[in-house]
């Protein structure tokens, strides 16, 4: 699932149509998918993943790339 500021939680949460919140991306997980990719920015929300297997990766730019560490 893909998340960016200004996205739409009612969409498919794909690169082309990302969710607008991290929680929206998490809610769309299913079918064995556990990864949420988040573009850089401030997301004012409380994210609770205690009851799910979720991996959140952040810091992506507008092209869904990020610098190697």
PDB file of N, CA and C in Angstrom:
ATOM      1  N   UNK A   1       0.827  -1.158   0.000  1.00  0.00           N
ATOM      2  CA  UNK A   1       0.000   0.000   0.000  1.00  0.00           C
ATOM      3  C   UNK A   1       0.891   1.246   0.000  1.00  0.00           C
ATOM      4  N   UNK A   2       0.441   2.292  -0.676  1.00  0.00           N
ATOM      5  CA  UNK A   2       1.215   3.522  -0.829  1.00  0.00           C
ATOM      6  C   UNK A   2       0.444   4.686  -0.228  1.00  0.00           C
ATOM      7  N   UNK A   3       1.185   5.557   0.472  1.00  0.00           N
ATOM      8  CA  UNK A   3       0.582   6.689   1.188  1.00  0.00           C
ATOM      9  C   UNK A   3       1.338   7.963   0.854  1.00  0.00           C
ATOM     10  N   UNK A   4       0.578   9.036   0.575  1.00  0.00           N
ATOM     11  CA  UNK A   4       1.199  10.350   0.415  1.00  0.00           C
ATOM     12  C   UNK A   4       0.236  11.417   0.903  1.00  0.00           C
ATOM     13  N   UNK A   5       0.783  12.541   1.340  1.00  0.00           N
ATOM     14  CA  UNK A   5      -0.046  13.670   1.753  1.00  0.00           C
ATOM     15  C   UNK A   5      -0.919  14.069   0.570  1.00  0.00           C
ATOM     16  N   UNK A   6      -2.188  14.281   0.813  1.00  0.00           N
ATOM     17  CA  UNK A   6      -3.101  14.673  -0.247  1.00  0.00           C
ATOM     18  C   UNK A   6      -3.704  13.503  -1.007  1.00  0.00           C
ATOM     19  N   UNK A   7      -3.325  12.272  -0.619  1.00  0.00           N
ATOM     20  CA  UNK A   7      -3.913  11.094  -1.251  1.00  0.00           C
ATOM     21  C   UNK A   7      -5.339  10.887  -0.779  1.00  0.00           C
ATOM     22  N   UNK A   8      -5.946   9.791  -1.198  1.00  0.00           N
ATOM     23  CA  UNK A   8      -7.346   9.518  -0.894  1.00  0.00           C
ATOM     24  C   UNK A   8      -7.480   8.120  -0.302  1.00  0.00           C
ATOM     25  N   UNK A   9      -7.901   8.049   0.950  1.00  0.00           N
ATOM     26  CA  UNK A   9      -8.072   6.748   1.607  1.00  0.00           C
ATOM     27  C   UNK A   9      -9.149   5.894   0.941  1.00  0.00           C
ATOM     28  N   UNK A  10     -10.019   6.503   0.163  1.00  0.00           N
ATOM     29  CA  UNK A  10     -11.065   5.757  -0.528  1.00  0.00           C
ATOM     30  C   UNK A  10     -10.593   5.133  -1.828  1.00  0.00           C
ATOM     31  N   UNK A  11      -9.351   5.409  -2.214  1.00  0.00           N
ATOM     32  CA  UNK A  11      -8.804   4.868  -3.454  1.00  0.00           C
ATOM     33  C   UNK A  11      -8.172   3.505  -3.264  1.00  0.00           C
ATOM     34  N   UNK A  12      -7.389   3.123  -4.253  1.00  0.00           N
ATOM     35  CA  UNK A  12      -6.781   1.789  -4.265  1.00  0.00           C
ATOM     36  C   UNK A  12      -5.495   1.708  -3.444  1.00  0.00           C
ATOM     37  N   UNK A  13      -4.941   2.850  -3.046  1.00  0.00           N
ATOM     38  CA  UNK A  13      -3.692   2.912  -2.278  1.00  0.00           C
ATOM     39  C   UNK A  13      -2.515   2.335  -3.064  1.00  0.00           C
ATOM     40  N   UNK A  14      -2.514   2.581  -4.365  1.00  0.00           N
ATOM     41  CA  UNK A  14      -1.428   2.167  -5.247  1.00  0.00           C
ATOM     42  C   UNK A  14      -0.485   3.352  -5.447  1.00  0.00           C
ATOM     43  N   UNK A  15       0.616   3.131  -6.156  1.00  0.00           N
ATOM     44  CA  UNK A  15       1.513   4.245  -6.478  1.00  0.00           C
ATOM     45  C   UNK A  15       0.762   5.334  -7.235  1.00  0.00           C
ATOM     46  N   UNK A  16      -0.081   4.947  -8.164  1.00  0.00           N
ATOM     47  CA  UNK A  16      -0.816   5.901  -8.987  1.00  0.00           C
ATOM     48  C   UNK A  16      -1.964   6.570  -8.234  1.00  0.00           C
ATOM     49  N   UNK A  17      -2.507   5.907  -7.233  1.00  0.00           N
ATOM     50  CA  UNK A  17      -3.642   6.436  -6.463  1.00  0.00           C
ATOM     51  C   UNK A  17      -3.432   6.132  -4.980  1.00  0.00           C
ATOM     52  N   UNK A  18      -2.461   6.811  -4.341  1.00  0.00           N
ATOM     53  CA  UNK A  18      -2.123   6.487  -2.954  1.00  0.00           C
ATOM     54  C   UNK A  18      -3.175   6.938  -1.942  1.00  0.00           C
ATOM     55  N   UNK A  19      -3.142   6.297  -0.795  1.00  0.00           N
ATOM     56  CA  UNK A  19      -3.952   6.715   0.344  1.00  0.00           C
ATOM     57  C   UNK A  19      -3.400   8.035   0.880  1.00  0.00           C
ATOM     58  N   UNK A  20      -4.191   8.723   1.674  1.00  0.00           N
ATOM     59  CA  UNK A  20      -3.757   9.978   2.267  1.00  0.00           C
ATOM     60  C   UNK A  20      -3.270   9.843   3.694  1.00  0.00           C
ATOM     61  N   UNK A  21      -3.525   8.692   4.322  1.00  0.00           N
ATOM     62  CA  UNK A  21      -3.092   8.479   5.700  1.00  0.00           C
ATOM     63  C   UNK A  21      -2.439   7.108   5.843  1.00  0.00           C
ATOM     64  N   UNK A  22      -1.573   7.006   6.833  1.00  0.00           N
ATOM     65  CA  UNK A  22      -0.930   5.722   7.114  1.00  0.00           C
ATOM     66  C   UNK A  22      -1.979   4.714   7.562  1.00  0.00           C
ATOM     67  N   UNK A  23      -2.911   5.143   8.397  1.00  0.00           N
ATOM     68  CA  UNK A  23      -3.972   4.243   8.842  1.00  0.00           C
ATOM     69  C   UNK A  23      -4.824   3.767   7.670  1.00  0.00           C
ATOM     70  N   UNK A  24      -5.042   4.633   6.685  1.00  0.00           N
ATOM     71  CA  UNK A  24      -5.780   4.230   5.493  1.00  0.00           C
ATOM     72  C   UNK A  24      -5.053   3.140   4.731  1.00  0.00           C
ATOM     73  N   UNK A  25      -3.733   3.263   4.632  1.00  0.00           N
ATOM     74  CA  UNK A  25      -2.931   2.233   3.978  1.00  0.00           C
ATOM     75  C   UNK A  25      -2.970   0.922   4.731  1.00  0.00           C
ATOM     76  N   UNK A  26      -2.873   0.999   6.042  1.00  0.00           N
ATOM     77  CA  UNK A  26      -2.929  -0.211   6.872  1.00  0.00           C
ATOM     78  C   UNK A  26      -4.280  -0.895   6.719  1.00  0.00           C
ATOM     79  N   UNK A  27      -5.351  -0.109   6.679  1.00  0.00           N
ATOM     80  CA  UNK A  27      -6.703  -0.670   6.564  1.00  0.00           C
ATOM     81  C   UNK A  27      -6.893  -1.435   5.256  1.00  0.00           C
ATOM     82  N   UNK A  28      -6.154  -1.074   4.221  1.00  0.00           N
ATOM     83  CA  UNK A  28      -6.294  -1.734   2.921  1.00  0.00           C
ATOM     84  C   UNK A  28      -5.460  -3.009   2.812  1.00  0.00           C
ATOM     85  N   UNK A  29      -4.600  -3.285   3.784  1.00  0.00           N
ATOM     86  CA  UNK A  29      -3.780  -4.492   3.731  1.00  0.00           C
ATOM     87  C   UNK A  29      -4.652  -5.735   3.768  1.00  0.00           C
ATOM     88  N   UNK A  30      -4.200  -6.745   3.115  1.00  0.00           N
ATOM     89  CA  UNK A  30      -4.911  -8.022   3.095  1.00  0.00           C
ATOM     90  C   UNK A  30      -4.261  -8.923   2.073  1.00  0.00           C
ATOM     91  N   UNK A  31      -4.695 -10.137   1.995  1.00  0.00           N
ATOM     92  CA  UNK A  31      -4.157 -11.064   1.010  1.00  0.00           C
ATOM     93  C   UNK A  31      -2.679 -11.327   1.171  1.00  0.00           C
ATOM     94  N   UNK A  32      -2.200 -11.299   2.409  1.00  0.00           N
ATOM     95  CA  UNK A  32      -0.790 -11.561   2.670  1.00  0.00           C
ATOM     96  C   UNK A  32       0.104 -10.338   2.558  1.00  0.00           C
ATOM     97  N   UNK A  33      -0.453  -9.198   2.148  1.00  0.00           N
ATOM     98  CA  UNK A  33       0.351  -7.971   2.038  1.00  0.00           C
ATOM     99  C   UNK A  33       0.556  -7.378   3.436  1.00  0.00           C
ATOM    100  N   UNK A  34       1.797  -6.967   3.708  1.00  0.00           N
ATOM    101  CA  UNK A  34       2.111  -6.406   5.029  1.00  0.00           C
ATOM    102  C   UNK A  34       2.878  -5.090   4.945  1.00  0.00           C
ATOM    103  N   UNK A  35       3.212  -4.621   3.748  1.00  0.00           N
ATOM    104  CA  UNK A  35       4.064  -3.439   3.597  1.00  0.00           C
ATOM    105  C   UNK A  35       3.252  -2.190   3.274  1.00  0.00           C
ATOM    106  N   UNK A  36       3.603  -1.087   3.954  1.00  0.00           N
ATOM    107  CA  UNK A  36       3.035   0.227   3.659  1.00  0.00           C
ATOM    108  C   UNK A  36       4.209   1.157   3.360  1.00  0.00           C
ATOM    109  N   UNK A  37       4.173   1.818   2.201  1.00  0.00           N
ATOM    110  CA  UNK A  37       5.231   2.729   1.765  1.00  0.00           C
ATOM    111  C   UNK A  37       4.706   4.155   1.858  1.00  0.00           C
ATOM    112  N   UNK A  38       5.468   5.017   2.548  1.00  0.00           N
ATOM    113  CA  UNK A  38       4.981   6.362   2.880  1.00  0.00           C
ATOM    114  C   UNK A  38       5.919   7.426   2.323  1.00  0.00           C
ATOM    115  N   UNK A  39       5.352   8.383   1.562  1.00  0.00           N
ATOM    116  CA  UNK A  39       6.164   9.495   1.093  1.00  0.00           C
ATOM    117  C   UNK A  39       6.523  10.390   2.269  1.00  0.00           C
ATOM    118  N   UNK A  40       7.660  11.077   2.156  1.00  0.00           N
ATOM    119  CA  UNK A  40       8.140  11.962   3.218  1.00  0.00           C
ATOM    120  C   UNK A  40       7.089  13.024   3.530  1.00  0.00           C
ATOM    121  N   UNK A  41       7.009  13.394   4.782  1.00  0.00           N
ATOM    122  CA  UNK A  41       6.066  14.417   5.221  1.00  0.00           C
ATOM    123  C   UNK A  41       5.633  14.160   6.645  1.00  0.00           C
ATOM    124  N   UNK A  42       4.831  15.068   7.158  1.00  0.00           N
ATOM    125  CA  UNK A  42       4.303  14.925   8.513  1.00  0.00           C
ATOM    126  C   UNK A  42       2.870  14.434   8.427  1.00  0.00           C
ATOM    127  N   UNK A  43       2.595  13.333   9.071  1.00  0.00           N
ATOM    128  CA  UNK A  43       1.268  12.737   9.091  1.00  0.00           C
ATOM    129  C   UNK A  43       0.747  12.835  10.514  1.00  0.00           C
ATOM    130  N   UNK A  44      -0.227  13.675  10.726  1.00  0.00           N
ATOM    131  CA  UNK A  44      -0.751  13.924  12.065  1.00  0.00           C
ATOM    132  C   UNK A  44      -1.823  12.898  12.400  1.00  0.00           C
ATOM    133  N   UNK A  45      -1.379  11.744  12.832  1.00  0.00           N
ATOM    134  CA  UNK A  45      -2.287  10.663  13.189  1.00  0.00           C
ATOM    135  C   UNK A  45      -1.592   9.718  14.162  1.00  0.00           C
ATOM    136  N   UNK A  46      -2.366   8.975  14.876  1.00  0.00           N
ATOM    137  CA  UNK A  46      -1.842   7.941  15.768  1.00  0.00           C
ATOM    138  C   UNK A  46      -1.972   6.619  15.034  1.00  0.00           C
ATOM    139  N   UNK A  47      -0.860   5.914  14.905  1.00  0.00           N
ATOM    140  CA  UNK A  47      -0.840   4.646  14.174  1.00  0.00           C
ATOM    141  C   UNK A  47      -0.648   3.514  15.174  1.00  0.00           C
ATOM    142  N   UNK A  48      -1.601   2.583  15.191  1.00  0.00           N
ATOM    143  CA  UNK A  48      -1.547   1.446  16.106  1.00  0.00           C
ATOM    144  C   UNK A  48      -1.479   0.166  15.283  1.00  0.00           C
ATOM    145  N   UNK A  49      -0.340  -0.484  15.331  1.00  0.00           N
ATOM    146  CA  UNK A  49      -0.158  -1.726  14.572  1.00  0.00           C
ATOM    147  C   UNK A  49       0.041  -2.931  15.490  1.00  0.00           C
ATOM    148  N   UNK A  50      -0.287  -2.774  16.755  1.00  0.00           N
ATOM    149  CA  UNK A  50      -0.024  -3.840  17.728  1.00  0.00           C
ATOM    150  C   UNK A  50      -0.748  -5.135  17.393  1.00  0.00           C
ATOM    151  N   UNK A  51      -1.902  -5.049  16.767  1.00  0.00           N
ATOM    152  CA  UNK A  51      -2.682  -6.263  16.523  1.00  0.00           C
ATOM    153  C   UNK A  51      -2.501  -6.813  15.104  1.00  0.00           C
ATOM    154  N   UNK A  52      -1.557  -6.233  14.333  1.00  0.00           N
ATOM    155  CA  UNK A  52      -1.363  -6.655  12.947  1.00  0.00           C
ATOM    156  C   UNK A  52       0.114  -6.834  12.636  1.00  0.00           C
ATOM    157  N   UNK A  53       0.390  -7.603  11.612  1.00  0.00           N
ATOM    158  CA  UNK A  53       1.749  -7.719  11.097  1.00  0.00           C
ATOM    159  C   UNK A  53       1.883  -6.688   9.991  1.00  0.00           C
ATOM    160  N   UNK A  54       2.593  -5.598  10.291  1.00  0.00           N
ATOM    161  CA  UNK A  54       2.719  -4.481   9.353  1.00  0.00           C
ATOM    162  C   UNK A  54       4.166  -4.006   9.347  1.00  0.00           C
ATOM    163  N   UNK A  55       4.682  -3.721   8.162  1.00  0.00           N
ATOM    164  CA  UNK A  55       5.995  -3.103   8.019  1.00  0.00           C
ATOM    165  C   UNK A  55       5.787  -1.779   7.298  1.00  0.00           C
ATOM    166  N   UNK A  56       6.213  -0.677   7.933  1.00  0.00           N
ATOM    167  CA  UNK A  56       6.024   0.656   7.369  1.00  0.00           C
ATOM    168  C   UNK A  56       7.387   1.198   6.958  1.00  0.00           C
ATOM    169  N   UNK A  57       7.488   1.618   5.700  1.00  0.00           N
ATOM    170  CA  UNK A  57       8.716   2.168   5.143  1.00  0.00           C
ATOM    171  C   UNK A  57       8.444   3.604   4.733  1.00  0.00           C
ATOM    172  N   UNK A  58       9.251   4.544   5.221  1.00  0.00           N
ATOM    173  CA  UNK A  58       9.004   5.949   4.940  1.00  0.00           C
ATOM    174  C   UNK A  58      10.163   6.636   4.264  1.00  0.00           C
ATOM    175  N   UNK A  59       9.962   7.936   4.016  1.00  0.00           N
ATOM    176  CA  UNK A  59      11.014   8.762   3.450  1.00  0.00           C
ATOM    177  C   UNK A  59      11.072   8.761   1.937  1.00  0.00           C
ATOM    178  N   UNK A  60      10.047   8.273   1.272  1.00  0.00           N
ATOM    179  CA  UNK A  60      10.045   8.243  -0.188  1.00  0.00           C
ATOM    180  C   UNK A  60       9.758   9.633  -0.748  1.00  0.00           C
ATOM    181  N   UNK A  61      10.355   9.933  -1.903  1.00  0.00           N
ATOM    182  CA  UNK A  61      10.083  11.213  -2.556  1.00  0.00           C
ATOM    183  C   UNK A  61       8.864  11.064  -3.472  1.00  0.00           C
ATOM    184  N   UNK A  62       8.567  12.094  -4.257  1.00  0.00           N
ATOM    185  CA  UNK A  62       7.403  12.086  -5.128  1.00  0.00           C
ATOM    186  C   UNK A  62       7.433  11.049  -6.233  1.00  0.00           C
ATOM    187  N   UNK A  63       8.603  10.478  -6.499  1.00  0.00           N
ATOM    188  CA  UNK A  63       8.743   9.415  -7.500  1.00  0.00           C
ATOM    189  C   UNK A  63       8.842   8.031  -6.868  1.00  0.00           C
ATOM    190  N   UNK A  64       8.567   7.945  -5.580  1.00  0.00           N
ATOM    191  CA  UNK A  64       8.646   6.715  -4.811  1.00  0.00           C
ATOM    192  C   UNK A  64      10.052   6.144  -4.753  1.00  0.00           C
ATOM    193  N   UNK A  65      11.024   7.041  -4.670  1.00  0.00           N
ATOM    194  CA  UNK A  65      12.425   6.651  -4.492  1.00  0.00           C
ATOM    195  C   UNK A  65      12.906   7.203  -3.163  1.00  0.00           C
ATOM    196  N   UNK A  66      13.910   6.591  -2.602  1.00  0.00           N
ATOM    197  CA  UNK A  66      14.551   7.141  -1.409  1.00  0.00           C
ATOM    198  C   UNK A  66      16.038   6.851  -1.470  1.00  0.00           C
ATOM    199  N   UNK A  67      16.764   7.661  -0.781  1.00  0.00           N
ATOM    200  CA  UNK A  67      18.221   7.512  -0.784  1.00  0.00           C
ATOM    201  C   UNK A  67      18.622   6.248  -0.040  1.00  0.00           C
ATOM    202  N   UNK A  68      19.666   5.584  -0.533  1.00  0.00           N
ATOM    203  CA  UNK A  68      20.198   4.441   0.229  1.00  0.00           C
ATOM    204  C   UNK A  68      20.792   4.939   1.550  1.00  0.00           C
ATOM    205  N   UNK A  69      20.741   4.115   2.542  1.00  0.00           N
ATOM    206  CA  UNK A  69      21.291   4.482   3.849  1.00  0.00           C
ATOM    207  C   UNK A  69      22.755   4.182   3.888  1.00  0.00           C
TER     208      UNK A  69
END
